[in-house]
Amino acid sequence: MLQVAELFGALLGLFVAYQAYRGYRRNDSRPMLFIAVGFAVIMGVPALLFVPALFVPGVPLLGVQGVVQAFEIIGLLCIIYALRMES
């Protein structure tokens, strides 16, 4: 059940990233591009890294979790940058 919730959260985050990207394309708004990148990195990259690691035996989950957290921080920094920049 937890994996289903994780997958749903990742899909929801990627949907937000897609909507932000559409806003960037429609309005040529650079902050929206960084919001889209931030959400894609926060929600998409961890799902791509963590889910396969669950099915591959011998992968150190602590190392995968460290990489996932690094990508989450990068994504949050992109969103913060978007909120602080001039439009």
N, C-alpha and C. Protein backbone atom coordinates (compact mmCIF):
# COMPACT_ATOMS: atom_id res chain seq x y z
N MET A 1 0.83 -1.19 0.00
CA MET A 1 0.00 0.00 0.00
C MET A 1 0.87 1.26 0.00
N LEU A 2 1.99 1.20 0.70
CA LEU A 2 2.89 2.35 0.76
C LEU A 2 3.47 2.66 -0.61
N GLN A 3 3.78 1.64 -1.39
CA GLN A 3 4.32 1.85 -2.73
C GLN A 3 3.29 2.53 -3.64
N VAL A 4 2.03 2.18 -3.47
CA VAL A 4 0.96 2.80 -4.26
C VAL A 4 0.86 4.28 -3.92
N ALA A 5 0.96 4.60 -2.64
CA ALA A 5 0.91 6.00 -2.22
C ALA A 5 2.11 6.77 -2.75
N GLU A 6 3.28 6.16 -2.74
CA GLU A 6 4.48 6.81 -3.29
C GLU A 6 4.32 7.06 -4.78
N LEU A 7 3.81 6.08 -5.49
CA LEU A 7 3.60 6.22 -6.93
C LEU A 7 2.58 7.32 -7.23
N PHE A 8 1.50 7.35 -6.47
CA PHE A 8 0.48 8.39 -6.65
C PHE A 8 1.07 9.77 -6.39
N GLY A 9 1.86 9.90 -5.33
CA GLY A 9 2.50 11.18 -5.03
C GLY A 9 3.45 11.62 -6.12
N ALA A 10 4.21 10.68 -6.67
CA ALA A 10 5.14 11.00 -7.75
C ALA A 10 4.38 11.43 -9.00
N LEU A 11 3.30 10.74 -9.32
CA LEU A 11 2.51 11.11 -10.49
C LEU A 11 1.86 12.49 -10.31
N LEU A 12 1.39 12.76 -9.11
CA LEU A 12 0.80 14.07 -8.83
C LEU A 12 1.84 15.18 -8.96
N GLY A 13 3.04 14.94 -8.43
CA GLY A 13 4.11 15.92 -8.55
C GLY A 13 4.53 16.15 -9.99
N LEU A 14 4.59 15.09 -10.77
CA LEU A 14 4.93 15.24 -12.19
C LEU A 14 3.83 15.97 -12.96
N PHE A 15 2.58 15.79 -12.54
CA PHE A 15 1.49 16.54 -13.15
C PHE A 15 1.64 18.03 -12.86
N VAL A 16 2.00 18.38 -11.63
CA VAL A 16 2.24 19.78 -11.28
C VAL A 16 3.40 20.33 -12.11
N ALA A 17 4.45 19.54 -12.27
CA ALA A 17 5.59 19.97 -13.09
C ALA A 17 5.15 20.21 -14.53
N TYR A 18 4.32 19.34 -15.06
CA TYR A 18 3.82 19.50 -16.43
C TYR A 18 2.99 20.77 -16.57
N GLN A 19 2.13 21.02 -15.60
CA GLN A 19 1.31 22.24 -15.64
C GLN A 19 2.18 23.49 -15.55
N ALA A 20 3.20 23.46 -14.72
CA ALA A 20 4.12 24.60 -14.62
C ALA A 20 4.87 24.79 -15.93
N TYR A 21 5.26 23.70 -16.57
CA TYR A 21 5.94 23.81 -17.86
C TYR A 21 5.01 24.41 -18.92
N ARG A 22 3.76 24.00 -18.90
CA ARG A 22 2.78 24.60 -19.83
C ARG A 22 2.64 26.09 -19.57
N GLY A 23 2.65 26.48 -18.29
CA GLY A 23 2.59 27.90 -17.96
C GLY A 23 3.82 28.65 -18.46
N TYR A 24 4.96 28.00 -18.38
CA TYR A 24 6.19 28.61 -18.91
C TYR A 24 6.07 28.82 -20.41
N ARG A 25 5.61 27.80 -21.13
CA ARG A 25 5.51 27.90 -22.59
C ARG A 25 4.46 28.93 -23.02
N ARG A 26 3.36 28.98 -22.30
CA ARG A 26 2.28 29.88 -22.67
C ARG A 26 2.64 31.34 -22.39
N ASN A 27 3.27 31.60 -21.26
CA ASN A 27 3.53 32.98 -20.83
C ASN A 27 4.98 33.39 -20.96
N ASP A 28 5.84 32.48 -21.41
CA ASP A 28 7.28 32.73 -21.49
C ASP A 28 7.81 33.24 -20.15
N SER A 29 7.37 32.59 -19.08
CA SER A 29 7.72 32.98 -17.71
C SER A 29 8.86 32.10 -17.21
N ARG A 30 10.03 32.70 -17.09
CA ARG A 30 11.21 31.95 -16.64
C ARG A 30 11.03 31.35 -15.24
N PRO A 31 10.39 32.06 -14.29
CA PRO A 31 10.16 31.42 -12.98
C PRO A 31 9.35 30.13 -13.08
N MET A 32 8.38 30.08 -13.98
CA MET A 32 7.59 28.86 -14.13
C MET A 32 8.44 27.70 -14.63
N LEU A 33 9.44 28.01 -15.43
CA LEU A 33 10.35 26.95 -15.89
C LEU A 33 11.09 26.35 -14.70
N PHE A 34 11.58 27.20 -13.79
CA PHE A 34 12.31 26.68 -12.63
C PHE A 34 11.38 25.95 -11.67
N ILE A 35 10.13 26.37 -11.58
CA ILE A 35 9.17 25.63 -10.75
C ILE A 35 8.92 24.26 -11.37
N ALA A 36 8.79 24.20 -12.68
CA ALA A 36 8.59 22.91 -13.36
C ALA A 36 9.78 22.00 -13.15
N VAL A 37 10.98 22.54 -13.32
CA VAL A 37 12.19 21.73 -13.12
C VAL A 37 12.27 21.27 -11.67
N GLY A 38 11.97 22.17 -10.73
CA GLY A 38 12.03 21.81 -9.32
C GLY A 38 11.10 20.66 -8.97
N PHE A 39 9.85 20.74 -9.42
CA PHE A 39 8.91 19.67 -9.13
C PHE A 39 9.30 18.37 -9.82
N ALA A 40 9.78 18.47 -11.04
CA ALA A 40 10.20 17.25 -11.76
C ALA A 40 11.37 16.58 -11.04
N VAL A 41 12.30 17.39 -10.55
CA VAL A 41 13.46 16.82 -9.85
C VAL A 41 13.04 16.26 -8.50
N ILE A 42 12.17 16.96 -7.78
CA ILE A 42 11.74 16.50 -6.46
C ILE A 42 10.93 15.21 -6.55
N MET A 43 10.04 15.13 -7.51
CA MET A 43 9.12 13.99 -7.56
C MET A 43 9.51 12.91 -8.56
N GLY A 44 10.08 13.29 -9.69
CA GLY A 44 10.37 12.32 -10.73
C GLY A 44 11.65 11.55 -10.53
N VAL A 45 12.72 12.27 -10.24
CA VAL A 45 14.03 11.62 -10.11
C VAL A 45 14.06 10.63 -8.95
N PRO A 46 13.56 10.99 -7.76
CA PRO A 46 13.56 9.98 -6.69
C PRO A 46 12.77 8.73 -7.03
N ALA A 47 11.65 8.89 -7.72
CA ALA A 47 10.87 7.71 -8.11
C ALA A 47 11.66 6.84 -9.07
N LEU A 48 12.36 7.48 -9.99
CA LEU A 48 13.17 6.72 -10.95
C LEU A 48 14.34 6.01 -10.29
N LEU A 49 14.86 6.56 -9.20
CA LEU A 49 15.99 5.95 -8.52
C LEU A 49 15.56 4.94 -7.47
N PHE A 50 14.55 5.28 -6.69
CA PHE A 50 14.22 4.49 -5.51
C PHE A 50 13.41 3.24 -5.85
N VAL A 51 12.46 3.35 -6.75
CA VAL A 51 11.61 2.20 -7.06
C VAL A 51 12.41 1.03 -7.63
N PRO A 52 13.28 1.26 -8.64
CA PRO A 52 14.08 0.11 -9.11
C PRO A 52 15.01 -0.46 -8.04
N ALA A 53 15.48 0.40 -7.14
CA ALA A 53 16.38 -0.08 -6.08
C ALA A 53 15.68 -1.06 -5.15
N LEU A 54 14.36 -0.95 -5.05
CA LEU A 54 13.61 -1.88 -4.20
C LEU A 54 13.60 -3.29 -4.77
N PHE A 55 13.69 -3.39 -6.09
CA PHE A 55 13.59 -4.69 -6.74
C PHE A 55 14.93 -5.31 -7.09
N VAL A 56 16.01 -4.57 -6.95
CA VAL A 56 17.34 -5.08 -7.25
C VAL A 56 18.01 -5.46 -5.93
N PRO A 57 18.29 -6.73 -5.73
CA PRO A 57 18.92 -7.13 -4.47
C PRO A 57 20.36 -6.63 -4.39
N GLY A 58 20.77 -6.29 -3.20
CA GLY A 58 22.16 -5.89 -2.97
C GLY A 58 22.42 -4.41 -3.13
N VAL A 59 21.41 -3.64 -3.51
CA VAL A 59 21.61 -2.19 -3.63
C VAL A 59 21.52 -1.58 -2.24
N PRO A 60 22.55 -0.83 -1.83
CA PRO A 60 22.49 -0.22 -0.49
C PRO A 60 21.44 0.89 -0.45
N LEU A 61 20.35 0.65 0.26
CA LEU A 61 19.26 1.61 0.31
C LEU A 61 19.66 2.91 0.98
N LEU A 62 20.63 2.86 1.88
CA LEU A 62 21.09 4.08 2.53
C LEU A 62 21.74 5.01 1.51
N GLY A 63 22.52 4.45 0.60
CA GLY A 63 23.14 5.25 -0.46
C GLY A 63 22.11 5.82 -1.41
N VAL A 64 21.12 5.01 -1.76
CA VAL A 64 20.05 5.48 -2.65
C VAL A 64 19.28 6.61 -1.97
N GLN A 65 19.00 6.45 -0.68
CA GLN A 65 18.28 7.49 0.06
C GLN A 65 19.07 8.79 0.11
N GLY A 66 20.39 8.70 0.24
CA GLY A 66 21.23 9.90 0.22
C GLY A 66 21.16 10.62 -1.11
N VAL A 67 21.19 9.87 -2.20
CA VAL A 67 21.09 10.47 -3.54
C VAL A 67 19.70 11.08 -3.74
N VAL A 68 18.66 10.39 -3.28
CA VAL A 68 17.30 10.90 -3.40
C VAL A 68 17.17 12.22 -2.64
N GLN A 69 17.70 12.29 -1.43
CA GLN A 69 17.62 13.53 -0.65
C GLN A 69 18.40 14.65 -1.31
N ALA A 70 19.52 14.34 -1.94
CA ALA A 70 20.28 15.37 -2.66
C ALA A 70 19.45 15.94 -3.80
N PHE A 71 18.75 15.09 -4.55
CA PHE A 71 17.90 15.58 -5.63
C PHE A 71 16.72 16.38 -5.10
N GLU A 72 16.18 15.99 -3.96
CA GLU A 72 15.08 16.76 -3.36
C GLU A 72 15.55 18.15 -2.98
N ILE A 73 16.75 18.26 -2.44
CA ILE A 73 17.31 19.57 -2.08
C ILE A 73 17.53 20.41 -3.33
N ILE A 74 18.06 19.81 -4.39
CA ILE A 74 18.26 20.54 -5.64
C ILE A 74 16.92 21.05 -6.19
N GLY A 75 15.91 20.21 -6.15
CA GLY A 75 14.59 20.63 -6.62
C GLY A 75 14.01 21.77 -5.80
N LEU A 76 14.15 21.69 -4.49
CA LEU A 76 13.67 22.77 -3.63
C LEU A 76 14.42 24.06 -3.89
N LEU A 77 15.72 23.97 -4.15
CA LEU A 77 16.50 25.17 -4.47
C LEU A 77 16.02 25.78 -5.79
N CYS A 78 15.65 24.96 -6.75
CA CYS A 78 15.09 25.49 -8.01
C CYS A 78 13.79 26.24 -7.75
N ILE A 79 12.94 25.68 -6.91
CA ILE A 79 11.66 26.34 -6.61
C ILE A 79 11.89 27.63 -5.85
N ILE A 80 12.79 27.63 -4.88
CA ILE A 80 13.11 28.85 -4.14
C ILE A 80 13.66 29.91 -5.08
N TYR A 81 14.54 29.51 -5.98
CA TYR A 81 15.09 30.44 -6.96
C TYR A 81 13.98 31.05 -7.82
N ALA A 82 13.03 30.22 -8.23
CA ALA A 82 11.92 30.71 -9.05
C ALA A 82 11.07 31.72 -8.29
N LEU A 83 10.87 31.48 -7.02
CA LEU A 83 10.05 32.39 -6.22
C LEU A 83 10.76 33.71 -5.93
N ARG A 84 12.07 33.70 -5.96
CA ARG A 84 12.85 34.90 -5.64
C ARG A 84 13.22 35.72 -6.87
N MET A 85 13.16 35.14 -8.05
CA MET A 85 13.63 35.85 -9.25
C MET A 85 12.58 36.83 -9.77
N GLU A 86 13.07 37.80 -10.51
CA GLU A 86 12.18 38.76 -11.16
C GLU A 86 11.53 38.08 -12.37
N SER A 87 10.29 38.40 -12.61
CA SER A 87 9.61 37.75 -13.75
C SER A 87 9.65 38.55 -14.99
